Amino acid sequence: MKHYISGLDRGVLYMLMASFFFAVMGAFAKLASDSMSSLEVVFFRNVFGVALVGYAVLKKPMEHEGGKPFLLFFRGFMGFVALLAFFYNIAHIPLGDAMTFSKTSPIFTAIFAWLFLQEKLPKTAWLAVFIGFAGIVFIAKPSGFMFSKTDWLGIFSGVGAALAYTSVRELKKYYDTRAIVLSFMGVGTAGPLLLLAVSPYVNAPELDFMLGTFVMPQGIIWLYVLGMGLFATLAQLYMTKAYGESKAGIVGAVSYANIPFSIGVGLLLGDALPDFITLLGIILIIFSGFLVVKK
């Protein structure tokens, strides 16, 4: 019992650290977005991860059954487009709001697991879905039942991440974890390069979240880029350690500390305090997430 409590404490501590590091990563991404497109920010966010995971693979080659290349690509592609939406929102709305939208992914994951993996969804989970959608509406505050562009992208950042996470459940039966991670970071590195190459030939202002011009970082911008890569890696590391130490439900609930951390860091960067309706929406999404991860 004492050993279990010790592991629980470490799991909670590691996830709190990961949540804080994710918030700091978001801050560096927001600062970098003042000088480069969100597409380029996504590139730098992933290229560091490719180098680190690639080095790990060289040190210890992967051993897995394989056989699901299209599903592997789907995981990488959905994670990439969700990240495009997420980093665009980091650049254009308060950091706490962008993080809250992304934390709706457990709600959508529950729905997709029910739809595609035939997992049972109890009444409490359906209640969580309803509460989560109410929270999204409170944060978005649609005018005349119309969501803004950043609202739609925020919702998609949760949906895309959920589709990616749902595919991971199946992929883990066939692939080394590092192969699954590389599918995400590899697409997230090659995808921006491709989009940056075609952007000069596309005139579509409404697609600015996936278009951009490459701008070589200068001076302090390199610090922002390196800080983003470093804290993203640290966050991933401690999140993995957290899930290894304690139950997924407990660790998943603690991960919502990312939202207040992001609000606090956002305030330091000049974001306004969330108004009452937005704060209520954030609380509803956190509560719905607790209900989902409890199951």
C-alpha atoms as a PDB file:
ATOM      1  CA  MET A   1       0.000   0.000   0.000  1.00  0.00           C
ATOM      2  CA  LYS A   2       2.814   2.374   0.921  1.00  0.00           C
ATOM      3  CA  HIS A   3       4.564   1.598  -2.380  1.00  0.00           C
ATOM      4  CA  TYR A   4       1.316   2.289  -4.299  1.00  0.00           C
ATOM      5  CA  ILE A   5       0.856   5.671  -2.601  1.00  0.00           C
ATOM      6  CA  SER A   6       4.489   6.541  -3.344  1.00  0.00           C
ATOM      7  CA  GLY A   7       3.955   5.655  -7.011  1.00  0.00           C
ATOM      8  CA  LEU A   8       0.744   7.663  -7.035  1.00  0.00           C
ATOM      9  CA  ASP A   9       2.528  10.694  -5.611  1.00  0.00           C
ATOM     10  CA  ARG A  10       5.261  10.434  -8.234  1.00  0.00           C
ATOM     11  CA  GLY A  11       2.699  10.013 -11.010  1.00  0.00           C
ATOM     12  CA  VAL A  12       0.833  13.125  -9.880  1.00  0.00           C
ATOM     13  CA  LEU A  13       4.071  15.097  -9.504  1.00  0.00           C
ATOM     14  CA  TYR A  14       5.337  14.065 -12.940  1.00  0.00           C
ATOM     15  CA  MET A  15       2.054  15.026 -14.591  1.00  0.00           C
ATOM     16  CA  LEU A  16       1.995  18.394 -12.815  1.00  0.00           C
ATOM     17  CA  MET A  17       5.503  19.014 -14.133  1.00  0.00           C
ATOM     18  CA  ALA A  18       4.463  17.897 -17.632  1.00  0.00           C
ATOM     19  CA  SER A  19       1.412  20.189 -17.521  1.00  0.00           C
ATOM     20  CA  PHE A  20       3.564  23.149 -16.508  1.00  0.00           C
ATOM     21  CA  PHE A  21       6.117  22.376 -19.228  1.00  0.00           C
ATOM     22  CA  PHE A  22       3.323  22.191 -21.830  1.00  0.00           C
ATOM     23  CA  ALA A  23       2.157  25.659 -20.718  1.00  0.00           C
ATOM     24  CA  VAL A  24       5.708  27.040 -21.023  1.00  0.00           C
ATOM     25  CA  MET A  25       6.001  25.407 -24.461  1.00  0.00           C
ATOM     26  CA  GLY A  26       2.802  27.236 -25.434  1.00  0.00           C
ATOM     27  CA  ALA A  27       4.301  30.508 -24.229  1.00  0.00           C
ATOM     28  CA  PHE A  28       7.404  30.082 -26.383  1.00  0.00           C
ATOM     29  CA  ALA A  29       5.190  29.129 -29.344  1.00  0.00           C
ATOM     30  CA  LYS A  30       3.124  32.295 -28.816  1.00  0.00           C
ATOM     31  CA  LEU A  31       6.259  34.441 -28.688  1.00  0.00           C
ATOM     32  CA  ALA A  32       7.713  32.780 -31.805  1.00  0.00           C
ATOM     33  CA  SER A  33       4.391  33.288 -33.643  1.00  0.00           C
ATOM     34  CA  ASP A  34       4.964  37.054 -33.582  1.00  0.00           C
ATOM     35  CA  SER A  35       7.795  36.559 -36.090  1.00  0.00           C
ATOM     36  CA  MET A  36       6.804  33.457 -38.080  1.00  0.00           C
ATOM     37  CA  SER A  37       3.725  31.636 -39.309  1.00  0.00           C
ATOM     38  CA  SER A  38       2.070  28.995 -37.145  1.00  0.00           C
ATOM     39  CA  LEU A  39       2.990  26.518 -39.923  1.00  0.00           C
ATOM     40  CA  GLU A  40       6.682  27.202 -39.348  1.00  0.00           C
ATOM     41  CA  VAL A  41       6.168  26.961 -35.580  1.00  0.00           C
ATOM     42  CA  VAL A  42       4.714  23.465 -36.092  1.00  0.00           C
ATOM     43  CA  PHE A  43       7.792  22.521 -38.132  1.00  0.00           C
ATOM     44  CA  PHE A  44      10.199  23.549 -35.387  1.00  0.00           C
ATOM     45  CA  ARG A  45       7.970  21.924 -32.750  1.00  0.00           C
ATOM     46  CA  ASN A  46       8.389  18.546 -34.476  1.00  0.00           C
ATOM     47  CA  VAL A  47      11.871  18.599 -35.983  1.00  0.00           C
ATOM     48  CA  PHE A  48      13.503  18.414 -32.540  1.00  0.00           C
ATOM     49  CA  GLY A  49      11.365  15.404 -31.661  1.00  0.00           C
ATOM     50  CA  VAL A  50      12.301  13.606 -34.896  1.00  0.00           C
ATOM     51  CA  ALA A  51      15.988  14.054 -34.073  1.00  0.00           C
ATOM     52  CA  LEU A  52      15.583  12.766 -30.502  1.00  0.00           C
ATOM     53  CA  VAL A  53      13.391   9.767 -31.349  1.00  0.00           C
ATOM     54  CA  GLY A  54      15.552   8.987 -34.376  1.00  0.00           C
ATOM     55  CA  TYR A  55      18.614   8.891 -32.118  1.00  0.00           C
ATOM     56  CA  ALA A  56      16.758   6.542 -29.741  1.00  0.00           C
ATOM     57  CA  VAL A  57      15.930   4.226 -32.644  1.00  0.00           C
ATOM     58  CA  LEU A  58      19.583   4.182 -33.746  1.00  0.00           C
ATOM     59  CA  LYS A  59      20.632   3.244 -30.213  1.00  0.00           C
ATOM     60  CA  LYS A  60      17.988   0.496 -29.972  1.00  0.00           C
ATOM     61  CA  PRO A  61      16.349  -0.610 -33.247  1.00  0.00           C
ATOM     62  CA  MET A  62      12.583  -1.101 -33.283  1.00  0.00           C
ATOM     63  CA  GLU A  63      11.035  -4.563 -33.095  1.00  0.00           C
ATOM     64  CA  HIS A  64       7.388  -4.869 -34.061  1.00  0.00           C
ATOM     65  CA  GLU A  65       4.959  -6.807 -36.204  1.00  0.00           C
ATOM     66  CA  GLY A  66       3.831  -3.868 -38.396  1.00  0.00           C
ATOM     67  CA  GLY A  67       1.336  -4.323 -41.196  1.00  0.00           C
ATOM     68  CA  LYS A  68      -0.852  -1.228 -40.718  1.00  0.00           C
ATOM     69  CA  PRO A  69       0.924   1.492 -42.765  1.00  0.00           C
ATOM     70  CA  PHE A  70      -2.233   3.408 -43.706  1.00  0.00           C
ATOM     71  CA  LEU A  71      -3.430   3.550 -40.099  1.00  0.00           C
ATOM     72  CA  LEU A  72       0.072   4.631 -39.053  1.00  0.00           C
ATOM     73  CA  PHE A  73      -0.025   7.456 -41.610  1.00  0.00           C
ATOM     74  CA  PHE A  74      -3.560   8.386 -40.507  1.00  0.00           C
ATOM     75  CA  ARG A  75      -2.329   8.752 -36.913  1.00  0.00           C
ATOM     76  CA  GLY A  76       0.500  11.016 -38.048  1.00  0.00           C
ATOM     77  CA  PHE A  77      -1.672  13.069 -40.400  1.00  0.00           C
ATOM     78  CA  MET A  78      -4.489  13.685 -37.892  1.00  0.00           C
ATOM     79  CA  GLY A  79      -1.998  14.613 -35.188  1.00  0.00           C
ATOM     80  CA  PHE A  80      -0.328  17.023 -37.604  1.00  0.00           C
ATOM     81  CA  VAL A  81      -3.487  18.852 -38.728  1.00  0.00           C
ATOM     82  CA  ALA A  82      -4.703  19.043 -35.108  1.00  0.00           C
ATOM     83  CA  LEU A  83      -1.364  20.628 -34.220  1.00  0.00           C
ATOM     84  CA  LEU A  84      -1.751  23.143 -37.079  1.00  0.00           C
ATOM     85  CA  ALA A  85      -5.094  24.247 -35.641  1.00  0.00           C
ATOM     86  CA  PHE A  86      -3.727  24.285 -32.078  1.00  0.00           C
ATOM     87  CA  PHE A  87      -0.681  26.450 -32.832  1.00  0.00           C
ATOM     88  CA  TYR A  88      -2.715  28.835 -34.987  1.00  0.00           C
ATOM     89  CA  ASN A  89      -5.004  29.385 -32.007  1.00  0.00           C
ATOM     90  CA  ILE A  90      -2.057  29.854 -29.647  1.00  0.00           C
ATOM     91  CA  ALA A  91      -0.983  32.741 -31.896  1.00  0.00           C
ATOM     92  CA  HIS A  92      -4.467  34.330 -32.134  1.00  0.00           C
ATOM     93  CA  ILE A  93      -6.403  33.736 -28.885  1.00  0.00           C
ATOM     94  CA  PRO A  94      -5.492  33.639 -25.170  1.00  0.00           C
ATOM     95  CA  LEU A  95      -3.191  30.725 -24.319  1.00  0.00           C
ATOM     96  CA  GLY A  96      -5.621  29.337 -21.720  1.00  0.00           C
ATOM     97  CA  ASP A  97      -8.467  29.204 -24.270  1.00  0.00           C
ATOM     98  CA  ALA A  98      -6.285  27.450 -26.865  1.00  0.00           C
ATOM     99  CA  MET A  99      -5.184  24.853 -24.299  1.00  0.00           C
ATOM    100  CA  THR A 100      -8.771  24.318 -23.113  1.00  0.00           C
ATOM    101  CA  PHE A 101      -9.977  23.613 -26.653  1.00  0.00           C
ATOM    102  CA  SER A 102      -7.176  21.059 -27.099  1.00  0.00           C
ATOM    103  CA  LYS A 103      -8.130  19.385 -23.794  1.00  0.00           C
ATOM    104  CA  THR A 104     -11.544  18.480 -25.228  1.00  0.00           C
ATOM    105  CA  SER A 105      -9.810  15.551 -26.960  1.00  0.00           C
ATOM    106  CA  PRO A 106     -10.719  12.975 -24.218  1.00  0.00           C
ATOM    107  CA  ILE A 107     -14.406  13.753 -24.814  1.00  0.00           C
ATOM    108  CA  PHE A 108     -14.104  13.117 -28.551  1.00  0.00           C
ATOM    109  CA  THR A 109     -11.847  10.098 -27.936  1.00  0.00           C
ATOM    110  CA  ALA A 110     -14.636   8.493 -25.898  1.00  0.00           C
ATOM    111  CA  ILE A 111     -17.092   9.069 -28.765  1.00  0.00           C
ATOM    112  CA  PHE A 112     -14.705   7.709 -31.427  1.00  0.00           C
ATOM    113  CA  ALA A 113     -13.805   4.664 -29.302  1.00  0.00           C
ATOM    114  CA  TRP A 114     -17.537   3.969 -29.042  1.00  0.00           C
ATOM    115  CA  LEU A 115     -18.067   4.464 -32.790  1.00  0.00           C
ATOM    116  CA  PHE A 116     -15.006   2.690 -34.194  1.00  0.00           C
ATOM    117  CA  LEU A 117     -13.711   0.342 -31.485  1.00  0.00           C
ATOM    118  CA  GLN A 118     -17.105  -0.755 -30.105  1.00  0.00           C
ATOM    119  CA  GLU A 119     -16.130   0.343 -26.603  1.00  0.00           C
ATOM    120  CA  LYS A 120     -19.063   0.762 -24.248  1.00  0.00           C
ATOM    121  CA  LEU A 121     -19.951   4.306 -23.280  1.00  0.00           C
ATOM    122  CA  PRO A 122     -21.768   4.426 -19.916  1.00  0.00           C
ATOM    123  CA  LYS A 123     -24.305   7.055 -18.934  1.00  0.00           C
ATOM    124  CA  THR A 124     -21.704   9.081 -17.028  1.00  0.00           C
ATOM    125  CA  ALA A 125     -19.580   9.300 -20.193  1.00  0.00           C
ATOM    126  CA  TRP A 126     -22.561  10.528 -22.234  1.00  0.00           C
ATOM    127  CA  LEU A 127     -23.195  13.097 -19.496  1.00  0.00           C
ATOM    128  CA  ALA A 128     -19.538  14.140 -19.783  1.00  0.00           C
ATOM    129  CA  VAL A 129     -19.929  14.582 -23.549  1.00  0.00           C
ATOM    130  CA  PHE A 130     -22.977  16.823 -23.046  1.00  0.00           C
ATOM    131  CA  ILE A 131     -21.225  18.894 -20.353  1.00  0.00           C
ATOM    132  CA  GLY A 132     -18.110  19.178 -22.523  1.00  0.00           C
ATOM    133  CA  PHE A 133     -20.085  20.501 -25.492  1.00  0.00           C
ATOM    134  CA  ALA A 134     -21.806  23.012 -23.202  1.00  0.00           C
ATOM    135  CA  GLY A 135     -18.360  24.157 -22.071  1.00  0.00           C
ATOM    136  CA  ILE A 136     -17.254  24.618 -25.686  1.00  0.00           C
ATOM    137  CA  VAL A 137     -20.307  26.803 -26.375  1.00  0.00           C
ATOM    138  CA  PHE A 138     -19.605  28.943 -23.290  1.00  0.00           C
ATOM    139  CA  ILE A 139     -15.997  29.517 -24.351  1.00  0.00           C
ATOM    140  CA  ALA A 140     -16.877  30.186 -28.001  1.00  0.00           C
ATOM    141  CA  LYS A 141     -19.893  32.393 -27.171  1.00  0.00           C
ATOM    142  CA  PRO A 142     -21.243  32.037 -30.746  1.00  0.00           C
ATOM    143  CA  SER A 143     -22.914  35.085 -32.218  1.00  0.00           C
ATOM    144  CA  GLY A 144     -26.219  34.116 -33.834  1.00  0.00           C
ATOM    145  CA  PHE A 145     -25.274  30.422 -33.505  1.00  0.00           C
ATOM    146  CA  MET A 146     -22.147  31.057 -35.607  1.00  0.00           C
ATOM    147  CA  PHE A 147     -18.710  30.006 -34.383  1.00  0.00           C
ATOM    148  CA  SER A 148     -15.640  32.051 -35.275  1.00  0.00           C
ATOM    149  CA  LYS A 149     -12.696  30.654 -37.218  1.00  0.00           C
ATOM    150  CA  THR A 150     -10.619  30.152 -34.073  1.00  0.00           C
ATOM    151  CA  ASP A 151     -13.578  28.412 -32.397  1.00  0.00           C
ATOM    152  CA  TRP A 152     -13.836  25.915 -35.250  1.00  0.00           C
ATOM    153  CA  LEU A 153     -10.082  25.386 -35.264  1.00  0.00           C
ATOM    154  CA  GLY A 154     -10.148  24.945 -31.483  1.00  0.00           C
ATOM    155  CA  ILE A 155     -12.828  22.277 -31.764  1.00  0.00           C
ATOM    156  CA  PHE A 156     -10.908  20.617 -34.574  1.00  0.00           C
ATOM    157  CA  SER A 157      -7.713  20.567 -32.493  1.00  0.00           C
ATOM    158  CA  GLY A 158      -9.643  18.410 -30.009  1.00  0.00           C
ATOM    159  CA  VAL A 159     -11.312  16.259 -32.689  1.00  0.00           C
ATOM    160  CA  GLY A 160      -8.078  15.695 -34.648  1.00  0.00           C
ATOM    161  CA  ALA A 161      -6.137  14.774 -31.528  1.00  0.00           C
ATOM    162  CA  ALA A 162      -8.944  12.402 -30.497  1.00  0.00           C
ATOM    163  CA  LEU A 163      -8.854  10.614 -33.869  1.00  0.00           C
ATOM    164  CA  ALA A 164      -5.087  10.298 -33.536  1.00  0.00           C
ATOM    165  CA  TYR A 165      -5.353   8.928 -29.963  1.00  0.00           C
ATOM    166  CA  THR A 166      -8.081   6.468 -30.981  1.00  0.00           C
ATOM    167  CA  SER A 167      -5.889   5.097 -33.767  1.00  0.00           C
ATOM    168  CA  VAL A 168      -3.017   4.697 -31.284  1.00  0.00           C
ATOM    169  CA  ARG A 169      -5.110   2.168 -29.322  1.00  0.00           C
ATOM    170  CA  GLU A 170      -5.135  -0.088 -32.372  1.00  0.00           C
ATOM    171  CA  LEU A 171      -1.582   0.699 -33.527  1.00  0.00           C
ATOM    172  CA  LYS A 172      -0.063  -0.324 -30.180  1.00  0.00           C
ATOM    173  CA  LYS A 173      -0.919  -3.936 -31.079  1.00  0.00           C
ATOM    174  CA  TYR A 174       1.334  -3.791 -34.145  1.00  0.00           C
ATOM    175  CA  TYR A 175       4.048  -1.144 -33.669  1.00  0.00           C
ATOM    176  CA  ASP A 176       6.825  -0.039 -31.359  1.00  0.00           C
ATOM    177  CA  THR A 177       5.755   3.096 -29.489  1.00  0.00           C
ATOM    178  CA  ARG A 178       8.610   5.019 -31.114  1.00  0.00           C
ATOM    179  CA  ALA A 179       7.258   4.167 -34.572  1.00  0.00           C
ATOM    180  CA  ILE A 180       3.886   5.640 -33.584  1.00  0.00           C
ATOM    181  CA  VAL A 181       5.541   8.787 -32.234  1.00  0.00           C
ATOM    182  CA  LEU A 182       7.689   9.096 -35.364  1.00  0.00           C
ATOM    183  CA  SER A 183       4.591   8.798 -37.571  1.00  0.00           C
ATOM    184  CA  PHE A 184       3.282  11.955 -35.894  1.00  0.00           C
ATOM    185  CA  MET A 185       6.529  13.918 -35.726  1.00  0.00           C
ATOM    186  CA  GLY A 186       7.654  12.779 -39.180  1.00  0.00           C
ATOM    187  CA  VAL A 187       4.451  13.973 -40.851  1.00  0.00           C
ATOM    188  CA  GLY A 188       4.602  17.071 -38.625  1.00  0.00           C
ATOM    189  CA  THR A 189       8.067  17.856 -40.026  1.00  0.00           C
ATOM    190  CA  ALA A 190       7.576  16.940 -43.698  1.00  0.00           C
ATOM    191  CA  GLY A 191       4.030  18.366 -43.890  1.00  0.00           C
ATOM    192  CA  PRO A 192       5.002  21.969 -43.060  1.00  0.00           C
ATOM    193  CA  LEU A 193       7.907  21.838 -45.542  1.00  0.00           C
ATOM    194  CA  LEU A 194       5.503  20.749 -48.288  1.00  0.00           C
ATOM    195  CA  LEU A 195       2.932  23.400 -47.371  1.00  0.00           C
ATOM    196  CA  LEU A 196       5.607  26.100 -47.138  1.00  0.00           C
ATOM    197  CA  ALA A 197       6.735  25.121 -50.666  1.00  0.00           C
ATOM    198  CA  VAL A 198       3.236  25.440 -52.189  1.00  0.00           C
ATOM    199  CA  SER A 199       2.099  28.482 -50.164  1.00  0.00           C
ATOM    200  CA  PRO A 200       3.452  31.099 -52.641  1.00  0.00           C
ATOM    201  CA  TYR A 201       1.180  29.621 -55.330  1.00  0.00           C
ATOM    202  CA  VAL A 202      -2.004  29.555 -53.227  1.00  0.00           C
ATOM    203  CA  ASN A 203      -4.154  32.644 -52.702  1.00  0.00           C
ATOM    204  CA  ALA A 204      -6.556  31.614 -49.940  1.00  0.00           C
ATOM    205  CA  PRO A 205      -6.491  33.932 -46.891  1.00  0.00           C
ATOM    206  CA  GLU A 206      -9.018  31.740 -45.082  1.00  0.00           C
ATOM    207  CA  LEU A 207      -6.436  28.900 -45.109  1.00  0.00           C
ATOM    208  CA  ASP A 208      -3.724  30.953 -43.411  1.00  0.00           C
ATOM    209  CA  PHE A 209      -3.578  28.400 -40.580  1.00  0.00           C
ATOM    210  CA  MET A 210      -1.974  25.938 -43.027  1.00  0.00           C
ATOM    211  CA  LEU A 211      -0.053  28.342 -45.260  1.00  0.00           C
ATOM    212  CA  GLY A 212       2.970  30.539 -44.645  1.00  0.00           C
ATOM    213  CA  THR A 213       6.330  31.847 -45.784  1.00  0.00           C
ATOM    214  CA  PHE A 214       9.511  30.438 -44.258  1.00  0.00           C
ATOM    215  CA  VAL A 215      11.333  33.078 -42.242  1.00  0.00           C
ATOM    216  CA  MET A 216      14.758  32.166 -40.887  1.00  0.00           C
ATOM    217  CA  PRO A 217      14.718  32.851 -37.121  1.00  0.00           C
ATOM    218  CA  GLN A 218      16.972  35.683 -36.033  1.00  0.00           C
ATOM    219  CA  GLY A 219      18.425  36.617 -32.655  1.00  0.00           C
ATOM    220  CA  ILE A 220      16.104  35.988 -29.716  1.00  0.00           C
ATOM    221  CA  ILE A 221      13.629  34.117 -31.953  1.00  0.00           C
ATOM    222  CA  TRP A 222      16.091  31.206 -31.898  1.00  0.00           C
ATOM    223  CA  LEU A 223      15.733  31.206 -28.110  1.00  0.00           C
ATOM    224  CA  TYR A 224      11.942  30.953 -28.450  1.00  0.00           C
ATOM    225  CA  VAL A 225      12.248  28.116 -30.983  1.00  0.00           C
ATOM    226  CA  LEU A 226      14.769  26.187 -28.886  1.00  0.00           C
ATOM    227  CA  GLY A 227      12.732  26.801 -25.732  1.00  0.00           C
ATOM    228  CA  MET A 228       9.617  25.471 -27.437  1.00  0.00           C
ATOM    229  CA  GLY A 229      11.417  22.315 -28.569  1.00  0.00           C
ATOM    230  CA  LEU A 230      13.064  21.772 -25.178  1.00  0.00           C
ATOM    231  CA  PHE A 231       9.920  22.196 -23.087  1.00  0.00           C
ATOM    232  CA  ALA A 232       7.818  20.145 -25.515  1.00  0.00           C
ATOM    233  CA  THR A 233      10.324  17.293 -25.136  1.00  0.00           C
ATOM    234  CA  LEU A 234      10.423  17.640 -21.339  1.00  0.00           C
ATOM    235  CA  ALA A 235       6.627  17.670 -21.209  1.00  0.00           C
ATOM    236  CA  GLN A 236       6.410  14.490 -23.290  1.00  0.00           C
ATOM    237  CA  LEU A 237       9.074  12.815 -21.139  1.00  0.00           C
ATOM    238  CA  TYR A 238       7.394  13.592 -17.818  1.00  0.00           C
ATOM    239  CA  MET A 239       3.941  12.772 -19.163  1.00  0.00           C
ATOM    240  CA  THR A 240       5.227   9.328 -20.177  1.00  0.00           C
ATOM    241  CA  LYS A 241       6.844   8.866 -16.750  1.00  0.00           C
ATOM    242  CA  ALA A 242       3.569   9.876 -15.078  1.00  0.00           C
ATOM    243  CA  TYR A 243       1.548   7.227 -16.930  1.00  0.00           C
ATOM    244  CA  GLY A 244       4.203   4.679 -15.985  1.00  0.00           C
ATOM    245  CA  GLU A 245       3.899   5.482 -12.280  1.00  0.00           C
ATOM    246  CA  SER A 246       0.168   5.735 -11.661  1.00  0.00           C
ATOM    247  CA  LYS A 247      -3.255   4.816 -13.034  1.00  0.00           C
ATOM    248  CA  ALA A 248      -4.186   6.447 -16.330  1.00  0.00           C
ATOM    249  CA  GLY A 249      -7.440   7.867 -14.903  1.00  0.00           C
ATOM    250  CA  ILE A 250      -5.679   9.659 -12.055  1.00  0.00           C
ATOM    251  CA  VAL A 251      -2.874  10.975 -14.253  1.00  0.00           C
ATOM    252  CA  GLY A 252      -5.360  12.010 -16.945  1.00  0.00           C
ATOM    253  CA  ALA A 253      -7.348  14.030 -14.412  1.00  0.00           C
ATOM    254  CA  VAL A 254      -4.193  15.769 -13.136  1.00  0.00           C
ATOM    255  CA  SER A 255      -3.275  16.676 -16.731  1.00  0.00           C
ATOM    256  CA  TYR A 256      -6.041  19.303 -16.654  1.00  0.00           C
ATOM    257  CA  ALA A 257      -3.687  21.378 -14.488  1.00  0.00           C
ATOM    258  CA  ASN A 258      -2.347  22.392 -17.900  1.00  0.00           C
ATOM    259  CA  ILE A 259      -5.291  24.798 -18.248  1.00  0.00           C
ATOM    260  CA  PRO A 260      -4.747  26.956 -15.117  1.00  0.00           C
ATOM    261  CA  PHE A 261      -0.988  26.875 -15.780  1.00  0.00           C
ATOM    262  CA  SER A 262      -1.644  28.134 -19.318  1.00  0.00           C
ATOM    263  CA  ILE A 263      -3.988  30.859 -18.090  1.00  0.00           C
ATOM    264  CA  GLY A 264      -1.310  32.018 -15.630  1.00  0.00           C
ATOM    265  CA  VAL A 265       1.476  31.975 -18.217  1.00  0.00           C
ATOM    266  CA  GLY A 266      -0.830  33.707 -20.704  1.00  0.00           C
ATOM    267  CA  LEU A 267      -1.457  36.513 -18.222  1.00  0.00           C
ATOM    268  CA  LEU A 268       2.313  37.065 -17.991  1.00  0.00           C
ATOM    269  CA  LEU A 269       2.352  37.414 -21.790  1.00  0.00           C
ATOM    270  CA  GLY A 270      -0.439  39.995 -21.761  1.00  0.00           C
ATOM    271  CA  ASP A 271      -3.567  37.838 -22.188  1.00  0.00           C
ATOM    272  CA  ALA A 272      -6.708  39.159 -20.534  1.00  0.00           C
ATOM    273  CA  LEU A 273      -8.278  37.326 -17.618  1.00  0.00           C
ATOM    274  CA  PRO A 274     -11.071  34.997 -18.804  1.00  0.00           C
ATOM    275  CA  ASP A 275     -14.509  36.575 -18.307  1.00  0.00           C
ATOM    276  CA  PHE A 276     -17.152  34.793 -16.216  1.00  0.00           C
ATOM    277  CA  ILE A 277     -18.789  32.940 -19.147  1.00  0.00           C
ATOM    278  CA  THR A 278     -15.416  31.766 -20.515  1.00  0.00           C
ATOM    279  CA  LEU A 279     -14.313  30.673 -17.038  1.00  0.00           C
ATOM    280  CA  LEU A 280     -17.551  28.719 -16.619  1.00  0.00           C
ATOM    281  CA  GLY A 281     -16.896  27.003 -19.962  1.00  0.00           C
ATOM    282  CA  ILE A 282     -13.359  26.093 -18.875  1.00  0.00           C
ATOM    283  CA  ILE A 283     -14.691  24.616 -15.607  1.00  0.00           C
ATOM    284  CA  LEU A 284     -17.313  22.579 -17.495  1.00  0.00           C
ATOM    285  CA  ILE A 285     -14.688  21.144 -19.871  1.00  0.00           C
ATOM    286  CA  ILE A 286     -12.390  20.239 -16.964  1.00  0.00           C
ATOM    287  CA  PHE A 287     -15.315  18.585 -15.150  1.00  0.00           C
ATOM    288  CA  SER A 288     -16.349  16.648 -18.269  1.00  0.00           C
ATOM    289  CA  GLY A 289     -12.750  15.514 -18.692  1.00  0.00           C
ATOM    290  CA  PHE A 290     -12.713  14.253 -15.089  1.00  0.00           C
ATOM    291  CA  LEU A 291     -15.872  12.223 -15.784  1.00  0.00           C
ATOM    292  CA  VAL A 292     -14.336  10.666 -18.906  1.00  0.00           C
ATOM    293  CA  VAL A 293     -10.939   9.780 -17.411  1.00  0.00           C
ATOM    294  CA  LYS A 294     -12.625   8.447 -14.258  1.00  0.00           C
ATOM    295  CA  LYS A 295     -14.142   5.719 -16.433  1.00  0.00           C
END
